[in-house]
Amino acid sequence: MDHQGLLRQLEMLALPEADFNHEAHLRAAWAYRRRYPAREAAARCAHTLSRYAMAKGAAHKYHHTLTMAALAILYSRLDAQPELLEDWAGFLACCHDVSTDLRCVVLQHYSEEKLYNETARKAFVEPDLKPLPSGSMLH
């Protein structure tokens, strides 16, 4: 499925759960950024992921701070290399660390205590270890 089809399926809540793996999450983030400026892309992506999780009975799996932190990291890389907006394989290669261990990348910015509390799951909290790139995108 192409990136437009993925977004269409996600937004219609029709994407089978089995097809929504980590790479599909990354592809959705990338596809939103192709269409919209970073701030709007992040808002749309987070909203869609949250809606999808709720619709599939998995609202507890959606973590807002983790989502927004990942988007800040990914979108800052796209801002640094805008040609990656046209190159899915290149984007994956540039974000290999995020595609293989997202939590480890995010934990460079957050302590586990701060990231894994209920407040961070429901609403964005600022990092306590080091600032996120493109922090203004998050406010």
Protein backbone atom coordinates (compact mmCIF):
# COMPACT_ATOMS: atom_id res chain seq x y z
CA MET A 1 0.00 0.00 0.00
CA ASP A 2 1.30 3.47 -0.80
CA HIS A 3 1.55 6.23 1.80
CA GLN A 4 -1.68 7.92 0.68
CA GLY A 5 -3.57 4.65 0.97
CA LEU A 6 -2.12 4.10 4.43
CA LEU A 7 -3.33 7.51 5.64
CA ARG A 8 -6.74 6.97 4.06
CA GLN A 9 -7.11 3.58 5.77
CA LEU A 10 -5.91 4.98 9.11
CA GLU A 11 -8.19 8.00 9.01
CA MET A 12 -11.16 5.81 8.08
CA LEU A 13 -10.18 3.44 10.93
CA ALA A 14 -10.17 0.65 8.35
CA LEU A 15 -6.53 -0.42 8.50
CA PRO A 16 -6.30 -3.95 9.93
CA GLU A 17 -4.49 -3.94 13.26
CA ALA A 18 -2.10 -6.61 11.98
CA ASP A 19 -0.91 -4.14 9.32
CA PHE A 20 -0.21 -1.33 11.77
CA ASN A 21 3.27 -2.25 12.91
CA HIS A 22 6.10 0.10 13.89
CA GLU A 23 7.13 0.73 10.28
CA ALA A 24 3.54 1.68 9.43
CA HIS A 25 3.59 4.18 12.32
CA LEU A 26 6.76 5.71 10.88
CA ARG A 27 5.31 5.75 7.39
CA ALA A 28 2.20 7.54 8.64
CA ALA A 29 4.39 10.17 10.36
CA TRP A 30 6.41 10.61 7.16
CA ALA A 31 3.28 10.77 4.99
CA TYR A 32 1.68 13.45 7.16
CA ARG A 33 4.86 15.51 6.99
CA ARG A 34 4.87 15.23 3.19
CA ARG A 35 1.42 16.84 3.13
CA TYR A 36 1.64 19.43 5.91
CA PRO A 37 4.04 21.75 7.73
CA ALA A 38 5.62 20.05 10.76
CA ARG A 39 3.31 21.46 13.42
CA GLU A 40 0.13 20.59 11.52
CA ALA A 41 1.52 17.21 10.47
CA ALA A 42 2.31 16.36 14.09
CA ALA A 43 -1.15 17.39 15.30
CA ARG A 44 -2.89 15.42 12.55
CA CYS A 45 -0.69 12.36 13.04
CA ALA A 46 -1.16 12.31 16.82
CA HIS A 47 -4.91 12.78 16.47
CA THR A 48 -5.20 9.97 13.94
CA LEU A 49 -3.08 7.57 16.01
CA SER A 50 -5.12 8.31 19.12
CA ARG A 51 -8.44 7.83 17.28
CA TYR A 52 -7.19 4.61 15.70
CA ALA A 53 -6.09 3.19 19.06
CA MET A 54 -9.45 4.06 20.64
CA ALA A 55 -11.40 2.58 17.73
CA LYS A 56 -9.46 -0.67 17.99
CA GLY A 57 -10.05 -0.92 21.75
CA ALA A 58 -6.42 -0.16 22.51
CA ALA A 59 -6.56 3.39 23.86
CA HIS A 60 -4.09 2.34 26.57
CA LYS A 61 -1.44 1.80 23.87
CA TYR A 62 -1.44 5.42 22.74
CA HIS A 63 1.20 7.49 24.55
CA HIS A 64 1.00 11.19 23.70
CA THR A 65 4.45 12.29 24.90
CA LEU A 66 6.17 9.36 23.20
CA THR A 67 4.29 10.14 19.98
CA MET A 68 5.08 13.86 20.01
CA ALA A 69 8.72 13.30 20.98
CA ALA A 70 9.15 10.81 18.14
CA LEU A 71 7.53 13.23 15.71
CA ALA A 72 9.81 16.07 16.85
CA ILE A 73 12.85 13.87 16.26
CA LEU A 74 11.65 12.58 12.89
CA TYR A 75 10.51 15.94 11.61
CA SER A 76 13.73 17.66 12.62
CA ARG A 77 15.58 15.12 10.48
CA LEU A 78 13.27 15.83 7.58
CA ASP A 79 13.79 19.57 8.04
CA ALA A 80 17.56 18.98 7.88
CA GLN A 81 17.23 16.83 4.75
CA PRO A 82 14.03 17.86 2.91
CA GLU A 83 14.86 15.58 -0.01
CA LEU A 84 13.83 12.70 2.27
CA LEU A 85 10.22 13.84 1.94
CA GLU A 86 10.34 12.23 -1.50
CA ASP A 87 12.38 9.17 -0.51
CA TRP A 88 10.76 6.67 1.88
CA ALA A 89 13.75 4.30 1.78
CA GLY A 90 16.13 7.19 2.40
CA PHE A 91 13.98 8.38 5.28
CA LEU A 92 14.07 4.92 6.86
CA ALA A 93 17.84 4.80 6.45
CA CYS A 94 18.22 8.25 8.02
CA CYS A 95 16.02 7.19 10.92
CA HIS A 96 17.41 3.70 11.40
CA ASP A 97 17.83 4.30 15.14
CA VAL A 98 14.18 5.29 15.48
CA SER A 99 12.99 2.40 13.34
CA THR A 100 14.94 -0.15 15.38
CA ASP A 101 14.65 1.29 18.92
CA LEU A 102 12.40 4.32 19.23
CA ARG A 103 12.21 4.15 23.01
CA CYS A 104 15.99 4.29 23.34
CA VAL A 105 16.13 7.40 21.15
CA VAL A 106 13.37 9.11 23.14
CA LEU A 107 15.01 8.12 26.43
CA GLN A 108 17.98 10.28 25.44
CA HIS A 109 15.62 13.18 26.20
CA TYR A 110 13.49 11.78 29.04
CA SER A 111 14.13 9.84 32.20
CA GLU A 112 12.06 6.67 32.41
CA GLU A 113 10.26 8.09 35.43
CA LYS A 114 9.13 11.17 33.50
CA LEU A 115 8.26 9.37 30.25
CA TYR A 116 6.40 6.42 31.72
CA ASN A 117 4.02 8.18 34.08
CA GLU A 118 0.31 8.55 33.44
CA THR A 119 0.52 12.31 32.85
CA ALA A 120 2.97 11.79 29.96
CA ARG A 121 0.74 9.14 28.47
CA LYS A 122 -2.23 11.50 28.31
CA ALA A 123 -0.61 14.88 27.59
CA PHE A 124 2.70 16.17 26.33
CA VAL A 125 5.34 16.75 29.00
CA GLU A 126 8.64 18.49 28.41
CA PRO A 127 11.81 16.37 28.49
CA ASP A 128 13.91 16.42 31.63
CA LEU A 129 17.28 15.28 30.23
CA LYS A 130 17.79 17.33 27.08
CA PRO A 131 15.55 19.39 24.79
CA LEU A 132 13.85 17.82 21.82
CA PRO A 133 14.78 19.10 18.38
CA SER A 134 12.19 21.39 16.83
CA GLY A 135 10.66 21.96 20.25
CA SER A 136 8.53 24.83 19.00
CA MET A 137 6.62 22.31 16.89
CA LEU A 138 5.19 20.82 20.06
CA HIS A 139 3.47 23.90 21.47
